[in-house]
């Protein structure tokens, strides 16, 4: 067996309206020396949607490097792990080189995370893929969601690391009623569903995110930063909503996620609370 090292550990609740309302992420600090296999095993063991590992960065303008795992799968970028890792690093005594901004290196490059009291916000990375969704793929997504094609207002690739297929439905109520089932469509799925609330409503957008890990069952992510980031770019660019706005996610599974969307200097900023819930050590 490999030698076990006691490492600093945090579990952070991200995007919650209050503490324990959002999406938890496990963060292993001082992860230098861990093998890929060890990271995957620990990520699976946590049984959370993501687990991150903080390492030294060789990039001059980054405060540290993070590797992000969604159970068995390593991701180049993910939203709530970005904010959760920054909060964990700060909680453990990290001091950013640039006051008020944590520069976090990940597979998608260096992502700035701004600090504003209880709220952290990351600059959305550019999409790796956009545009229309293939008709056959969209037909399969429609079957998984259990809806008719006529209920889809629009669909678009929302791929900024996690390869979300974005589906816009008529309204938020339709989104909340979904009861998806992917049992007839094995394989990897990342499906984001959006619906607008009524005029002047706060929150303005309802979001749900469904995913599988390999051939596992379809799961619902409580609150998803990457999807909200790419969805904001899409919704704003098509004139369906203006920034700033507030998105809600997690209500269908008993969470109260709130995602703050802003647009400044041509960049989308995605923010929310990030609260350290568990602080201690992990032996791995």
Protein backbone atom coordinates (compact mmCIF):
# COMPACT_ATOMS: atom_id res chain seq x y z
CA UNK A 1 0.00 0.00 0.00
CA UNK A 2 1.07 3.60 -0.64
CA UNK A 3 2.18 5.64 2.37
CA UNK A 4 -0.72 7.53 3.93
CA UNK A 5 -0.29 11.28 4.48
CA UNK A 6 -2.52 13.40 6.68
CA UNK A 7 -3.68 16.35 4.58
CA UNK A 8 -5.76 19.44 5.30
CA UNK A 9 -9.39 19.01 4.21
CA UNK A 10 -12.46 21.21 3.86
CA UNK A 11 -16.03 20.55 2.80
CA UNK A 12 -17.65 23.68 1.43
CA UNK A 13 -21.29 24.46 0.68
CA UNK A 14 -21.50 26.57 -2.48
CA UNK A 15 -24.29 28.71 -3.98
CA UNK A 16 -26.65 28.23 -1.06
CA UNK A 17 -29.18 30.87 -0.04
CA UNK A 18 -27.98 30.03 3.47
CA UNK A 19 -25.63 27.48 4.98
CA UNK A 20 -26.36 23.88 3.83
CA UNK A 21 -28.71 25.07 1.07
CA UNK A 22 -26.31 24.68 -1.87
CA UNK A 23 -23.95 22.15 -3.42
CA UNK A 24 -21.16 20.63 -1.31
CA UNK A 25 -17.64 20.09 -2.64
CA UNK A 26 -14.80 18.20 -0.96
CA UNK A 27 -11.43 19.98 -1.09
CA UNK A 28 -8.10 18.31 -0.32
CA UNK A 29 -5.42 20.90 0.34
CA UNK A 30 -1.67 20.14 0.04
CA UNK A 31 -2.38 17.34 -2.45
CA UNK A 32 1.16 17.25 -3.85
CA UNK A 33 2.34 13.66 -4.33
CA UNK A 34 -1.08 12.07 -4.78
CA UNK A 35 -1.44 9.81 -7.82
CA UNK A 36 -4.29 10.11 -10.29
CA UNK A 37 -5.69 6.82 -9.02
CA UNK A 38 -5.61 8.01 -5.41
CA UNK A 39 -7.48 11.18 -6.37
CA UNK A 40 -10.12 9.20 -8.25
CA UNK A 41 -10.59 6.74 -5.38
CA UNK A 42 -11.03 9.51 -2.84
CA UNK A 43 -13.39 11.43 -5.12
CA UNK A 44 -15.60 8.36 -5.53
CA UNK A 45 -15.48 7.73 -1.77
CA UNK A 46 -16.75 11.23 -0.94
CA UNK A 47 -19.88 10.46 -3.02
CA UNK A 48 -20.25 14.15 -3.89
CA UNK A 49 -20.72 15.52 -7.39
CA UNK A 50 -17.15 16.90 -7.28
CA UNK A 51 -13.96 16.68 -5.28
CA UNK A 52 -10.92 18.92 -5.80
CA UNK A 53 -7.21 18.70 -5.06
CA UNK A 54 -5.01 21.77 -4.53
CA UNK A 55 -1.45 21.69 -5.86
CA UNK A 56 1.37 24.19 -6.43
CA UNK A 57 1.16 26.06 -9.72
CA UNK A 58 4.02 26.67 -12.13
CA UNK A 59 2.04 29.45 -13.84
CA UNK A 60 3.40 32.87 -12.77
CA UNK A 61 0.02 34.59 -12.33
CA UNK A 62 -1.76 31.72 -10.50
CA UNK A 63 -1.97 31.37 -6.71
CA UNK A 64 -2.33 27.57 -6.98
CA UNK A 65 -3.46 24.78 -9.29
CA UNK A 66 -6.59 22.69 -8.80
CA UNK A 67 -7.59 19.35 -10.23
CA UNK A 68 -11.32 18.71 -10.35
CA UNK A 69 -12.90 15.25 -10.29
CA UNK A 70 -16.55 14.36 -10.80
CA UNK A 71 -16.39 10.92 -9.20
CA UNK A 72 -14.24 8.96 -11.71
CA UNK A 73 -14.04 11.69 -14.34
CA UNK A 74 -11.54 14.57 -14.28
CA UNK A 75 -12.95 17.89 -15.53
CA UNK A 76 -11.00 20.81 -16.98
CA UNK A 77 -13.37 23.24 -15.28
CA UNK A 78 -16.42 23.24 -13.03
CA UNK A 79 -18.16 26.14 -11.33
CA UNK A 80 -19.06 25.28 -7.77
CA UNK A 81 -15.71 23.48 -7.23
CA UNK A 82 -13.98 26.68 -8.40
CA UNK A 83 -15.66 28.81 -5.73
CA UNK A 84 -15.48 26.06 -3.10
CA UNK A 85 -11.76 25.51 -3.64
CA UNK A 86 -11.03 29.23 -3.43
CA UNK A 87 -12.96 29.48 -0.15
CA UNK A 88 -11.18 26.42 1.28
CA UNK A 89 -7.77 27.79 0.29
CA UNK A 90 -8.54 31.14 1.91
CA UNK A 91 -9.91 29.44 5.02
CA UNK A 92 -6.67 27.48 5.33
CA UNK A 93 -4.65 30.70 5.37
CA UNK A 94 -4.05 31.30 1.66
CA UNK A 95 -3.27 34.90 0.72
CA UNK A 96 -3.78 35.87 -2.94
CA UNK A 97 -0.94 37.66 -4.68
CA UNK A 98 -3.48 40.19 -6.00
CA UNK A 99 -5.61 41.58 -3.14
CA UNK A 100 -9.27 40.69 -3.54
CA UNK A 101 -8.76 38.21 -6.39
CA UNK A 102 -7.74 34.53 -6.22
CA UNK A 103 -6.09 33.38 -9.44
CA UNK A 104 -6.91 29.67 -9.75
CA UNK A 105 -5.27 27.48 -12.39
CA UNK A 106 -7.30 24.55 -13.71
CA UNK A 107 -7.46 22.50 -16.91
CA UNK A 108 -9.26 25.36 -18.66
CA UNK A 109 -6.53 27.88 -17.80
CA UNK A 110 -6.27 30.52 -15.06
CA UNK A 111 -9.68 31.58 -13.72
CA UNK A 112 -9.96 34.73 -11.57
CA UNK A 113 -12.20 34.50 -8.50
CA UNK A 114 -13.26 37.82 -6.99
CA UNK A 115 -13.87 38.21 -3.26
CA UNK A 116 -16.80 40.32 -2.08
CA UNK A 117 -17.60 39.46 1.54
CA UNK A 118 -19.66 36.28 1.69
CA UNK A 119 -19.95 36.14 -2.10
CA UNK A 120 -17.26 34.80 -4.42
CA UNK A 121 -17.54 35.13 -8.21
CA UNK A 122 -15.57 33.57 -11.04
CA UNK A 123 -15.09 34.88 -14.55
CA UNK A 124 -16.76 32.40 -16.89
CA UNK A 125 -14.30 30.68 -19.22
CA UNK A 126 -15.11 30.71 -22.94
CA UNK A 127 -17.24 27.92 -24.30
CA UNK A 128 -15.39 25.09 -26.02
CA UNK A 129 -18.47 24.29 -28.07
CA UNK A 130 -21.60 26.24 -28.91
CA UNK A 131 -24.26 26.21 -31.59
CA UNK A 132 -27.12 23.91 -32.51
CA UNK A 133 -27.58 20.42 -31.09
CA UNK A 134 -27.75 17.52 -33.55
CA UNK A 135 -31.36 16.44 -34.19
CA UNK A 136 -30.80 12.80 -33.16
CA UNK A 137 -29.09 13.83 -29.93
CA UNK A 138 -31.85 16.31 -29.14
CA UNK A 139 -34.46 13.61 -29.77
CA UNK A 140 -32.73 11.37 -27.21
CA UNK A 141 -32.56 14.26 -24.70
CA UNK A 142 -36.26 14.90 -25.25
CA UNK A 143 -37.06 11.26 -24.44
CA UNK A 144 -34.88 11.34 -21.32
CA UNK A 145 -36.65 14.48 -20.08
CA UNK A 146 -40.04 12.92 -20.78
CA UNK A 147 -41.34 15.85 -22.83
CA UNK A 148 -42.55 16.50 -26.37
CA UNK A 149 -40.31 18.23 -28.91
CA UNK A 150 -42.86 21.04 -29.11
CA UNK A 151 -42.13 21.96 -25.47
CA UNK A 152 -38.54 22.91 -26.35
CA UNK A 153 -38.17 26.60 -27.12
CA UNK A 154 -34.49 26.32 -28.08
CA UNK A 155 -31.42 24.10 -27.59
CA UNK A 156 -27.71 24.90 -27.66
CA UNK A 157 -24.35 23.40 -26.72
CA UNK A 158 -23.28 24.93 -23.40
CA UNK A 159 -19.86 23.32 -23.23
CA UNK A 160 -17.22 25.12 -21.15
CA UNK A 161 -15.54 21.97 -19.83
CA UNK A 162 -18.52 19.88 -18.77
CA UNK A 163 -20.28 19.33 -22.10
CA UNK A 164 -23.77 20.47 -21.22
CA UNK A 165 -26.56 20.18 -23.77
CA UNK A 166 -28.70 23.20 -22.93
CA UNK A 167 -32.48 23.01 -23.34
CA UNK A 168 -34.75 26.03 -22.89
CA UNK A 169 -38.37 25.27 -21.97
CA UNK A 170 -41.36 27.59 -21.96
CA UNK A 171 -41.22 28.56 -18.29
CA UNK A 172 -39.82 27.78 -14.87
CA UNK A 173 -42.88 25.75 -13.81
CA UNK A 174 -42.31 23.29 -16.67
CA UNK A 175 -38.68 22.90 -15.63
CA UNK A 176 -39.62 22.12 -12.01
CA UNK A 177 -42.13 19.44 -13.09
CA UNK A 178 -39.56 17.34 -14.99
CA UNK A 179 -39.02 13.74 -13.90
CA UNK A 180 -36.27 12.55 -16.27
CA UNK A 181 -35.26 8.93 -16.86
CA UNK A 182 -32.17 7.86 -18.83
CA UNK A 183 -32.58 4.10 -18.33
CA UNK A 184 -33.33 3.63 -22.03
CA UNK A 185 -30.29 5.67 -23.08
CA UNK A 186 -27.12 4.33 -21.43
CA UNK A 187 -23.90 6.33 -21.62
CA UNK A 188 -22.59 9.71 -20.56
CA UNK A 189 -25.13 12.52 -20.30
CA UNK A 190 -24.85 16.18 -19.26
CA UNK A 191 -28.20 17.91 -19.72
CA UNK A 192 -28.99 21.43 -18.52
CA UNK A 193 -32.59 22.63 -18.53
CA UNK A 194 -33.65 26.28 -18.20
CA UNK A 195 -36.90 28.17 -17.88
CA UNK A 196 -37.68 31.83 -17.22
CA UNK A 197 -39.81 32.95 -14.31
CA UNK A 198 -42.38 35.67 -14.85
CA UNK A 199 -41.52 39.31 -15.50
CA UNK A 200 -39.86 41.09 -12.55
CA UNK A 201 -39.57 37.77 -10.67
CA UNK A 202 -36.65 37.19 -8.33
CA UNK A 203 -35.08 34.76 -9.12
CA UNK A 204 -35.45 35.29 -12.87
CA UNK A 205 -34.35 31.86 -14.18
CA UNK A 206 -34.90 28.28 -12.99
CA UNK A 207 -32.09 25.82 -13.75
CA UNK A 208 -31.79 22.03 -13.41
CA UNK A 209 -28.77 19.89 -14.30
CA UNK A 210 -28.85 16.14 -14.96
CA UNK A 211 -25.75 14.01 -15.47
CA UNK A 212 -24.41 10.48 -15.48
CA UNK A 213 -20.95 9.22 -14.59
CA UNK A 214 -20.11 6.58 -17.19
CA UNK A 215 -22.95 4.06 -17.31
CA UNK A 216 -24.31 5.02 -13.88
CA UNK A 217 -27.85 6.23 -13.21
CA UNK A 218 -29.00 9.74 -14.07
CA UNK A 219 -28.32 12.12 -11.19
CA UNK A 220 -29.34 15.70 -10.50
CA UNK A 221 -26.71 18.24 -9.51
CA UNK A 222 -27.97 20.59 -6.77
CA UNK A 223 -26.40 23.82 -8.10
CA UNK A 224 -24.11 24.05 -11.13
CA UNK A 225 -21.74 26.95 -11.78
CA UNK A 226 -20.46 25.79 -15.17
CA UNK A 227 -23.97 25.36 -16.56
CA UNK A 228 -25.14 28.70 -15.19
CA UNK A 229 -22.08 30.39 -16.69
CA UNK A 230 -22.62 29.05 -20.20
CA UNK A 231 -26.40 29.48 -19.93
CA UNK A 232 -25.95 33.14 -19.00
CA UNK A 233 -23.82 33.73 -22.09
CA UNK A 234 -26.51 32.10 -24.24
CA UNK A 235 -29.53 33.79 -22.67
CA UNK A 236 -27.93 37.24 -22.67
CA UNK A 237 -26.58 36.95 -26.24
CA UNK A 238 -30.02 35.92 -27.56
CA UNK A 239 -31.75 38.80 -25.77
CA UNK A 240 -33.89 36.58 -23.55
CA UNK A 241 -32.64 38.23 -20.37
CA UNK A 242 -30.32 41.00 -19.31
CA UNK A 243 -27.65 41.04 -16.61
CA UNK A 244 -27.51 41.28 -13.69
CA UNK A 245 -29.96 38.54 -12.79
CA UNK A 246 -30.43 35.84 -10.17
CA UNK A 247 -30.88 32.15 -11.05
CA UNK A 248 -32.42 29.48 -8.82
CA UNK A 249 -31.43 25.82 -8.81
CA UNK A 250 -32.00 22.81 -6.57
CA UNK A 251 -35.59 23.48 -5.56
CA UNK A 252 -36.79 20.19 -7.06
CA UNK A 253 -34.46 18.23 -4.73
CA UNK A 254 -34.85 20.26 -1.55
CA UNK A 255 -32.01 22.78 -2.00
CA UNK A 256 -32.17 26.57 -2.24
CA UNK A 257 -29.38 27.42 -4.65
CA UNK A 258 -28.92 31.01 -5.79
CA UNK A 259 -26.50 32.04 -8.53
CA UNK A 260 -25.69 35.71 -9.14
CA UNK A 261 -24.99 36.59 -12.78
CA UNK A 262 -23.27 39.82 -13.77
CA UNK A 263 -21.78 41.05 -17.04
CA UNK A 264 -18.84 43.46 -16.92
CA UNK A 265 -16.35 44.48 -19.61
CA UNK A 266 -17.61 41.74 -21.91
CA UNK A 267 -17.19 38.98 -19.31
CA UNK A 268 -19.79 36.93 -17.47
CA UNK A 269 -19.24 36.73 -13.70
CA UNK A 270 -20.89 33.89 -11.77
CA UNK A 271 -21.16 34.31 -8.01
CA UNK A 272 -22.62 32.91 -4.84
CA UNK A 273 -22.00 32.12 -1.20
CA UNK A 274 -19.31 29.59 -0.28
CA UNK A 275 -19.37 28.43 3.37
CA UNK A 276 -16.89 26.05 5.01
CA UNK A 277 -19.00 23.40 6.76
CA UNK A 278 -16.37 20.80 7.69
CA UNK A 279 -12.74 21.57 8.52
CA UNK A 280 -10.17 18.93 9.41
CA UNK A 281 -7.80 16.41 7.86
CA UNK A 282 -8.03 13.50 5.46
CA UNK A 283 -5.65 10.52 5.45
CA UNK A 284 -4.83 9.59 1.89
